[in-house]
Structure formats: structure tokens, C-alpha cells
Amino acid sequence: MSGTTLDYHNDSPSLSVIEALADELETDPVELEPLYHFVDPEALDQLFQEGTHGDVRVEFVYGDHTVAVQGDGTVVVDETVHERQ
């Protein structure tokens, strides 16, 4: 299993979640239902700012999918770790 670590200067956790969901659902990110219907993207980005400890984890449901964002920047959708593209 491979993982991804965010570059907090260039990436936001919310954008990484969108990319992971699009990959999991095999669709274009613009075709997804807005993330803010399921979680506050700004709060997610603030929670995982640079310097976040690795033991932080946020888990939420997006439609029929379970999404987890970990303090090290790893995004997991339905137990599958998604690498940045």
C-alpha cells in the first residue's frame, strides 16, 4: 500500500480529498458533488495546516464512501490509500 504526503505550501487537504474521490469513482473532479455538502473544506484545510501532528485524523462519509484524512497528509477512501497525481 502506498501513501501520499501533502506539500502544505502547494496543496490543500480538501483538494487532495477531491482528487482521491475522483480517482476512486473514476470520474472528473468537476463531476463530483461539492465537498462542502459533506465536510467544511476550509475547516479541514485549517485543521491540517503545516505542523499538524501525525496522530490527527478526520473521517467523514461522502455519499456511500468513507473518507479519512490523516495528520501526515494521507487520504484514504474506502480503505484505499490514494497517491497524489
Protein backbone atom coordinates (compact mmCIF):
# COMPACT_ATOMS: atom_id res chain seq x y z
CA MET A 1 0.00 0.00 0.00
CA SER A 2 1.38 3.39 -0.93
CA GLY A 3 0.60 6.78 0.55
CA THR A 4 0.84 10.46 -0.17
CA THR A 5 2.17 13.30 1.90
CA LEU A 6 0.95 16.81 1.23
CA ASP A 7 3.16 19.73 0.32
CA TYR A 8 1.37 22.23 2.55
CA HIS A 9 2.79 25.15 0.58
CA ASN A 10 1.17 24.00 -2.69
CA ASP A 11 -1.64 21.62 -1.75
CA SER A 12 -4.65 21.72 0.45
CA PRO A 13 -6.12 18.68 2.15
CA SER A 14 -9.55 19.45 0.69
CA LEU A 15 -8.15 19.41 -2.88
CA SER A 16 -6.36 16.14 -2.15
CA VAL A 17 -9.66 14.66 -0.93
CA ILE A 18 -11.37 15.73 -4.16
CA GLU A 19 -8.58 14.18 -6.25
CA ALA A 20 -8.78 10.93 -4.25
CA LEU A 21 -12.56 10.75 -4.59
CA ALA A 22 -12.38 11.40 -8.33
CA ASP A 23 -9.79 8.64 -8.63
CA GLU A 24 -11.87 6.22 -6.56
CA LEU A 25 -15.05 6.98 -8.51
CA GLU A 26 -13.20 7.10 -11.84
CA THR A 27 -14.66 10.48 -12.74
CA ASP A 28 -13.57 14.04 -13.37
CA PRO A 29 -13.32 16.09 -10.15
CA VAL A 30 -15.75 18.70 -11.54
CA GLU A 31 -18.40 15.97 -11.82
CA LEU A 32 -18.34 15.27 -8.08
CA GLU A 33 -20.95 16.59 -5.68
CA PRO A 34 -19.39 19.57 -3.85
CA LEU A 35 -17.25 18.57 -0.89
CA TYR A 36 -18.92 21.20 1.30
CA HIS A 37 -22.11 19.11 1.27
CA PHE A 38 -20.26 16.58 3.44
CA VAL A 39 -17.50 18.43 5.32
CA ASP A 40 -16.34 22.02 5.71
CA PRO A 41 -13.34 22.25 3.32
CA GLU A 42 -11.95 25.38 4.98
CA ALA A 43 -12.06 23.77 8.42
CA LEU A 44 -10.40 20.66 7.01
CA ASP A 45 -7.60 22.76 5.48
CA GLN A 46 -7.09 24.70 8.70
CA LEU A 47 -7.01 21.56 10.81
CA PHE A 48 -4.26 20.07 8.65
CA GLN A 49 -2.03 23.11 8.35
CA GLU A 50 1.73 22.73 8.37
CA GLY A 51 2.90 21.47 11.72
CA THR A 52 -0.08 19.19 12.31
CA HIS A 53 0.82 16.16 14.37
CA GLY A 54 0.58 12.74 12.75
CA ASP A 55 -1.97 11.47 15.26
CA VAL A 56 -4.73 13.79 13.94
CA ARG A 57 -7.35 12.04 11.81
CA VAL A 58 -10.66 13.23 10.38
CA GLU A 59 -13.13 10.73 8.99
CA PHE A 60 -16.38 11.54 7.22
CA VAL A 61 -18.86 9.97 4.82
CA TYR A 62 -19.11 11.22 1.25
CA GLY A 63 -22.18 9.57 -0.28
CA ASP A 64 -21.52 5.84 0.04
CA HIS A 65 -17.81 6.31 0.68
CA THR A 66 -15.79 6.68 3.87
CA VAL A 67 -13.02 9.27 3.61
CA ALA A 68 -10.20 9.71 6.11
CA VAL A 69 -7.54 12.41 6.19
CA GLN A 70 -4.58 11.82 8.46
CA GLY A 71 -2.17 14.29 10.02
CA ASP A 72 0.64 13.21 7.70
CA GLY A 73 -1.48 14.20 4.68
CA THR A 74 -2.55 10.70 3.74
CA VAL A 75 -6.02 10.48 2.17
CA VAL A 76 -7.88 7.18 2.38
CA VAL A 77 -11.14 6.45 0.56
CA ASP A 78 -12.90 3.20 1.43
CA GLU A 79 -9.67 1.81 2.95
CA THR A 80 -7.69 2.57 -0.24
CA VAL A 81 -4.77 4.97 0.11
CA HIS A 82 -4.60 7.40 -2.81
CA GLU A 83 -1.40 8.85 -4.17
CA ARG A 84 -1.21 12.38 -5.49
CA GLN A 85 -1.32 12.60 -9.25
